[in-house]
Amino acid sequence: DVFELPIRLRIVCWIVIVIGLPLIILAIYYLYSLVRHNHVAPIYVINLLISDLIQLCCMATMLGKPKRVWVNIIFLIHSIGVMAS
């Protein structure tokens, strides 16, 4: 396959995804509530968290062994997320 990772590395990736996704979503929600109360500074941090969210979603998709056509699209989206962060 395209990304055939050792089983230990796959387990670590899934642990990072399972813990990271809810925490990132929670942090985005909290910072968004600060923005609504006229605090402008967290907008930069929200953008960084969104790029991390994109990267984690792409990593989860790649661990699911997508078809060859989707690999290129997912890799492009992941690269844009890395450049944004």
N, C-alpha and C. Protein backbone atom coordinates (compact mmCIF):
# COMPACT_ATOMS: atom_id res chain seq x y z
N ASP A 1 0.82 -1.19 0.00
CA ASP A 1 0.00 0.00 0.00
C ASP A 1 0.86 1.25 0.00
N VAL A 2 0.20 2.38 -0.06
CA VAL A 2 0.90 3.65 -0.12
C VAL A 2 1.60 3.94 1.19
N PHE A 3 0.88 3.87 2.29
CA PHE A 3 1.46 4.10 3.61
C PHE A 3 1.26 2.85 4.44
N GLU A 4 2.22 1.97 4.43
CA GLU A 4 2.15 0.78 5.26
C GLU A 4 3.07 1.01 6.45
N LEU A 5 2.46 1.41 7.57
CA LEU A 5 3.21 1.73 8.77
C LEU A 5 3.26 0.52 9.69
N PRO A 6 4.31 0.44 10.50
CA PRO A 6 4.34 -0.62 11.52
C PRO A 6 3.16 -0.46 12.47
N ILE A 7 2.74 -1.56 13.06
CA ILE A 7 1.53 -1.55 13.89
C ILE A 7 1.68 -0.63 15.10
N ARG A 8 2.87 -0.56 15.67
CA ARG A 8 3.07 0.33 16.83
C ARG A 8 2.89 1.80 16.44
N LEU A 9 3.40 2.15 15.29
CA LEU A 9 3.25 3.54 14.83
C LEU A 9 1.81 3.86 14.50
N ARG A 10 1.09 2.90 13.94
CA ARG A 10 -0.33 3.09 13.67
C ARG A 10 -1.12 3.30 14.96
N ILE A 11 -0.78 2.54 16.00
CA ILE A 11 -1.46 2.68 17.29
C ILE A 11 -1.19 4.06 17.88
N VAL A 12 0.06 4.51 17.81
CA VAL A 12 0.40 5.84 18.33
C VAL A 12 -0.35 6.92 17.55
N CYS A 13 -0.43 6.77 16.24
CA CYS A 13 -1.17 7.76 15.42
C CYS A 13 -2.63 7.81 15.82
N TRP A 14 -3.26 6.66 16.03
CA TRP A 14 -4.67 6.64 16.43
C TRP A 14 -4.87 7.23 17.82
N ILE A 15 -3.93 7.00 18.73
CA ILE A 15 -4.02 7.60 20.07
C ILE A 15 -3.96 9.12 19.97
N VAL A 16 -3.04 9.62 19.16
CA VAL A 16 -2.92 11.07 18.96
C VAL A 16 -4.20 11.64 18.37
N ILE A 17 -4.78 10.94 17.42
CA ILE A 17 -6.01 11.42 16.77
C ILE A 17 -7.18 11.41 17.76
N VAL A 18 -7.33 10.31 18.50
CA VAL A 18 -8.47 10.18 19.41
C VAL A 18 -8.39 11.20 20.55
N ILE A 19 -7.20 11.50 21.03
CA ILE A 19 -7.06 12.49 22.10
C ILE A 19 -7.04 13.90 21.53
N GLY A 20 -6.37 14.09 20.41
CA GLY A 20 -6.17 15.43 19.86
C GLY A 20 -7.41 16.06 19.27
N LEU A 21 -8.21 15.31 18.55
CA LEU A 21 -9.39 15.90 17.89
C LEU A 21 -10.37 16.54 18.87
N PRO A 22 -10.81 15.83 19.91
CA PRO A 22 -11.74 16.49 20.83
C PRO A 22 -11.13 17.69 21.55
N LEU A 23 -9.84 17.61 21.90
CA LEU A 23 -9.21 18.72 22.59
C LEU A 23 -9.07 19.95 21.70
N ILE A 24 -8.75 19.73 20.43
CA ILE A 24 -8.64 20.85 19.50
C ILE A 24 -10.01 21.50 19.28
N ILE A 25 -11.04 20.67 19.13
CA ILE A 25 -12.38 21.21 18.94
C ILE A 25 -12.82 21.99 20.18
N LEU A 26 -12.51 21.48 21.35
CA LEU A 26 -12.84 22.18 22.60
C LEU A 26 -12.09 23.50 22.71
N ALA A 27 -10.82 23.51 22.35
CA ALA A 27 -10.02 24.74 22.41
C ALA A 27 -10.54 25.78 21.41
N ILE A 28 -10.93 25.33 20.21
CA ILE A 28 -11.49 26.26 19.22
C ILE A 28 -12.78 26.86 19.74
N TYR A 29 -13.64 26.05 20.35
CA TYR A 29 -14.90 26.56 20.89
C TYR A 29 -14.65 27.59 21.99
N TYR A 30 -13.72 27.29 22.91
CA TYR A 30 -13.42 28.21 23.99
C TYR A 30 -12.86 29.53 23.46
N LEU A 31 -11.92 29.45 22.53
CA LEU A 31 -11.35 30.68 21.98
C LEU A 31 -12.36 31.46 21.16
N TYR A 32 -13.26 30.76 20.49
CA TYR A 32 -14.31 31.44 19.74
C TYR A 32 -15.24 32.21 20.69
N SER A 33 -15.49 31.64 21.87
CA SER A 33 -16.32 32.35 22.83
C SER A 33 -15.61 33.61 23.34
N LEU A 34 -14.28 33.58 23.42
CA LEU A 34 -13.54 34.79 23.80
C LEU A 34 -13.63 35.85 22.71
N VAL A 35 -13.61 35.43 21.44
CA VAL A 35 -13.70 36.38 20.34
C VAL A 35 -15.05 37.08 20.36
N ARG A 36 -16.10 36.35 20.71
CA ARG A 36 -17.43 36.96 20.77
C ARG A 36 -17.51 38.01 21.87
N HIS A 37 -16.63 37.94 22.86
CA HIS A 37 -16.64 38.91 23.95
C HIS A 37 -15.60 40.01 23.72
N ASN A 38 -15.34 40.34 22.46
CA ASN A 38 -14.47 41.44 22.04
C ASN A 38 -13.00 41.23 22.38
N HIS A 39 -12.54 40.00 22.41
CA HIS A 39 -11.11 39.72 22.52
C HIS A 39 -10.65 39.27 21.14
N VAL A 40 -9.80 40.06 20.51
CA VAL A 40 -9.42 39.78 19.12
C VAL A 40 -8.17 38.90 19.04
N ALA A 41 -7.34 38.88 20.04
CA ALA A 41 -6.07 38.17 20.00
C ALA A 41 -6.19 36.67 19.70
N PRO A 42 -7.21 35.95 20.18
CA PRO A 42 -7.25 34.50 19.94
C PRO A 42 -7.53 34.09 18.49
N ILE A 43 -7.81 35.01 17.60
CA ILE A 43 -8.12 34.65 16.22
C ILE A 43 -6.92 33.94 15.57
N TYR A 44 -5.71 34.42 15.82
CA TYR A 44 -4.51 33.79 15.27
C TYR A 44 -4.38 32.35 15.79
N VAL A 45 -4.64 32.16 17.06
CA VAL A 45 -4.55 30.82 17.66
C VAL A 45 -5.63 29.91 17.09
N ILE A 46 -6.82 30.44 16.85
CA ILE A 46 -7.89 29.65 16.25
C ILE A 46 -7.48 29.17 14.86
N ASN A 47 -6.84 30.04 14.09
CA ASN A 47 -6.37 29.64 12.75
C ASN A 47 -5.35 28.52 12.84
N LEU A 48 -4.45 28.59 13.81
CA LEU A 48 -3.47 27.51 13.99
C LEU A 48 -4.15 26.20 14.40
N LEU A 49 -5.15 26.29 15.27
CA LEU A 49 -5.86 25.09 15.69
C LEU A 49 -6.65 24.48 14.53
N ILE A 50 -7.20 25.31 13.66
CA ILE A 50 -7.92 24.79 12.50
C ILE A 50 -6.96 24.06 11.56
N SER A 51 -5.76 24.60 11.38
CA SER A 51 -4.79 23.89 10.54
C SER A 51 -4.37 22.57 11.19
N ASP A 52 -4.26 22.52 12.52
CA ASP A 52 -3.98 21.26 13.20
C ASP A 52 -5.13 20.27 13.03
N LEU A 53 -6.35 20.78 13.07
CA LEU A 53 -7.53 19.94 12.87
C LEU A 53 -7.52 19.32 11.47
N ILE A 54 -7.17 20.13 10.48
CA ILE A 54 -7.08 19.62 9.10
C ILE A 54 -6.01 18.54 9.01
N GLN A 55 -4.87 18.75 9.64
CA GLN A 55 -3.80 17.76 9.60
C GLN A 55 -4.21 16.45 10.26
N LEU A 56 -4.88 16.53 11.40
CA LEU A 56 -5.31 15.30 12.08
C LEU A 56 -6.37 14.55 11.27
N CYS A 57 -7.27 15.29 10.65
CA CYS A 57 -8.29 14.62 9.82
C CYS A 57 -7.65 13.93 8.62
N CYS A 58 -6.67 14.57 8.02
CA CYS A 58 -5.98 13.94 6.90
C CYS A 58 -5.18 12.73 7.35
N MET A 59 -4.58 12.81 8.53
CA MET A 59 -3.83 11.66 9.04
C MET A 59 -4.77 10.49 9.31
N ALA A 60 -5.94 10.77 9.87
CA ALA A 60 -6.91 9.70 10.12
C ALA A 60 -7.38 9.08 8.81
N THR A 61 -7.57 9.90 7.81
CA THR A 61 -8.01 9.39 6.51
C THR A 61 -6.93 8.52 5.87
N MET A 62 -5.68 8.94 6.00
CA MET A 62 -4.59 8.15 5.42
C MET A 62 -4.40 6.82 6.15
N LEU A 63 -4.69 6.79 7.44
CA LEU A 63 -4.59 5.52 8.18
C LEU A 63 -5.70 4.56 7.79
N GLY A 64 -6.77 5.09 7.20
CA GLY A 64 -7.87 4.24 6.76
C GLY A 64 -7.63 3.59 5.42
N LYS A 65 -6.45 3.75 4.85
CA LYS A 65 -6.05 3.16 3.56
C LYS A 65 -7.01 3.54 2.43
N PRO A 66 -7.00 4.82 2.04
CA PRO A 66 -7.88 5.25 0.94
C PRO A 66 -7.40 4.73 -0.41
N LYS A 67 -8.25 4.87 -1.41
CA LYS A 67 -7.88 4.47 -2.76
C LYS A 67 -6.83 5.43 -3.30
N ARG A 68 -6.14 4.98 -4.32
CA ARG A 68 -5.00 5.73 -4.88
C ARG A 68 -5.39 7.14 -5.32
N VAL A 69 -6.57 7.33 -5.86
CA VAL A 69 -7.01 8.65 -6.32
C VAL A 69 -7.12 9.61 -5.15
N TRP A 70 -7.64 9.14 -4.04
CA TRP A 70 -7.84 10.00 -2.87
C TRP A 70 -6.55 10.33 -2.16
N VAL A 71 -5.53 9.50 -2.31
CA VAL A 71 -4.26 9.73 -1.62
C VAL A 71 -3.66 11.07 -2.05
N ASN A 72 -3.68 11.36 -3.34
CA ASN A 72 -3.11 12.60 -3.83
C ASN A 72 -3.88 13.82 -3.32
N ILE A 73 -5.20 13.72 -3.29
CA ILE A 73 -6.02 14.84 -2.81
C ILE A 73 -5.79 15.06 -1.33
N ILE A 74 -5.77 13.98 -0.55
CA ILE A 74 -5.56 14.09 0.89
C ILE A 74 -4.17 14.64 1.18
N PHE A 75 -3.17 14.19 0.42
CA PHE A 75 -1.81 14.68 0.62
C PHE A 75 -1.73 16.18 0.32
N LEU A 76 -2.44 16.63 -0.70
CA LEU A 76 -2.46 18.07 -1.03
C LEU A 76 -3.10 18.87 0.10
N ILE A 77 -4.24 18.40 0.60
CA ILE A 77 -4.91 19.10 1.70
C ILE A 77 -4.03 19.09 2.95
N HIS A 78 -3.37 17.98 3.23
CA HIS A 78 -2.47 17.90 4.38
C HIS A 78 -1.31 18.88 4.22
N SER A 79 -0.76 18.97 3.04
CA SER A 79 0.36 19.89 2.79
C SER A 79 -0.07 21.34 3.01
N ILE A 80 -1.28 21.69 2.57
CA ILE A 80 -1.79 23.04 2.80
C ILE A 80 -1.95 23.30 4.29
N GLY A 81 -2.43 22.32 5.04
CA GLY A 81 -2.56 22.47 6.49
C GLY A 81 -1.22 22.67 7.17
N VAL A 82 -0.19 21.96 6.69
CA VAL A 82 1.15 22.10 7.26
C VAL A 82 1.70 23.48 6.93
N MET A 83 1.50 23.95 5.71
CA MET A 83 1.98 25.28 5.35
C MET A 83 1.27 26.37 6.15
N ALA A 84 0.00 26.16 6.44
CA ALA A 84 -0.76 27.17 7.19
C ALA A 84 -0.29 27.25 8.64
N SER A 85 0.19 26.14 9.17
CA SER A 85 0.64 26.18 10.56
C SER A 85 2.09 26.58 10.63
